[in-house]
Amino acid sequence: MIIHDRILEQINFVVSYVDDCDDWVEIKKQILLGIPSDLRSSFSTRDPKTKEQRLNEFEKAVIQIWKEKTGIELKLRTLAERRDLFVF
């Protein structure tokens, strides 16, 4: 899978400041914040009805790159699981 250089740069940048997060959605948000809108189309969108995330092949490749760089395997959690994790 070919991943645009700008996305790879952003992944490296996010790796530089994220410590031990293993939540795919949080990492995805940080990556998306730093890339131009025309590159965002490679990423999946939420299901319009359930609001749940689904991984596409591109995202699976990004997750693999993240694991190679950090040793952390990112997890795709359900919306309910994410709400339980990030209660303030």
Protein backbone atom coordinates (compact mmCIF):
# COMPACT_ATOMS: atom_id res chain seq x y z
CA MET A 1 0.00 0.00 0.00
CA ILE A 2 1.37 3.39 -0.97
CA ILE A 3 1.07 6.07 1.68
CA HIS A 4 1.64 9.69 0.69
CA ASP A 5 4.85 11.26 2.03
CA ARG A 6 2.89 14.04 3.76
CA ILE A 7 0.90 11.47 5.74
CA LEU A 8 4.11 9.66 6.69
CA GLU A 9 5.56 12.98 7.90
CA GLN A 10 2.48 13.58 10.02
CA ILE A 11 2.65 10.07 11.48
CA ASN A 12 6.28 10.75 12.48
CA PHE A 13 5.25 14.06 14.04
CA VAL A 14 2.44 12.46 16.04
CA VAL A 15 4.80 9.69 17.20
CA SER A 16 7.08 12.43 18.57
CA TYR A 17 4.54 13.70 21.10
CA VAL A 18 2.11 10.86 21.81
CA ASP A 19 3.39 8.68 24.62
CA ASP A 20 1.54 5.44 25.22
CA CYS A 21 -1.86 5.86 23.59
CA ASP A 22 -3.17 2.69 21.97
CA ASP A 23 -6.51 4.08 20.76
CA TRP A 24 -6.76 4.21 16.97
CA VAL A 25 -9.42 6.93 16.90
CA GLU A 26 -7.32 9.32 19.01
CA ILE A 27 -4.23 8.74 16.86
CA LYS A 28 -6.28 9.07 13.68
CA LYS A 29 -7.61 12.46 14.87
CA GLN A 30 -4.07 13.70 15.50
CA ILE A 31 -2.91 12.54 12.07
CA LEU A 32 -5.90 14.14 10.34
CA LEU A 33 -5.31 17.47 12.07
CA GLY A 34 -1.98 17.90 10.31
CA ILE A 35 -2.71 16.84 6.74
CA PRO A 36 -4.41 18.69 3.90
CA SER A 37 -8.07 17.90 3.28
CA ASP A 38 -7.37 16.29 -0.10
CA LEU A 39 -5.32 13.57 1.65
CA ARG A 40 -8.02 12.81 4.20
CA SER A 41 -10.10 10.86 1.70
CA SER A 42 -7.89 7.79 2.21
CA PHE A 43 -9.22 7.47 5.75
CA SER A 44 -12.56 5.85 6.50
CA THR A 45 -15.58 7.66 7.89
CA ARG A 46 -17.91 6.65 10.68
CA ASP A 47 -21.00 4.61 9.96
CA PRO A 48 -23.75 7.23 9.62
CA LYS A 49 -26.25 5.23 11.65
CA THR A 50 -24.20 3.65 14.45
CA LYS A 51 -21.37 6.24 14.48
CA GLU A 52 -18.90 3.35 14.80
CA GLN A 53 -15.55 3.38 13.02
CA ARG A 54 -14.57 0.73 10.49
CA LEU A 55 -11.00 0.17 9.34
CA ASN A 56 -10.17 0.17 5.66
CA GLU A 57 -6.99 -1.28 4.14
CA PHE A 58 -5.26 2.10 4.14
CA GLU A 59 -5.85 2.51 7.88
CA LYS A 60 -4.64 -1.02 8.56
CA ALA A 61 -1.39 -0.04 6.80
CA VAL A 62 -1.11 3.12 8.92
CA ILE A 63 -1.67 1.07 12.09
CA GLN A 64 1.10 -1.30 11.01
CA ILE A 65 3.48 1.63 10.44
CA TRP A 66 2.58 2.95 13.90
CA LYS A 67 3.38 -0.44 15.44
CA GLU A 68 6.74 -0.58 13.63
CA LYS A 69 7.66 2.90 14.88
CA THR A 70 6.39 2.66 18.45
CA GLY A 71 5.88 -1.01 19.30
CA ILE A 72 2.28 -0.14 20.23
CA GLU A 73 -0.54 -1.97 18.51
CA LEU A 74 -3.42 0.44 18.05
CA LYS A 75 -6.88 -0.84 18.96
CA LEU A 76 -10.17 0.06 17.33
CA ARG A 77 -12.59 0.43 20.21
CA THR A 78 -16.35 0.80 20.08
CA LEU A 79 -17.89 4.18 20.79
CA ALA A 80 -19.02 2.97 24.23
CA GLU A 81 -15.50 1.73 25.06
CA ARG A 82 -14.00 5.09 24.03
CA ARG A 83 -16.51 6.97 26.16
CA ASP A 84 -15.55 4.84 29.17
CA LEU A 85 -11.85 5.49 28.57
CA PHE A 86 -12.04 9.25 28.24
CA VAL A 87 -14.38 10.26 31.04
CA PHE A 88 -13.30 13.61 32.48
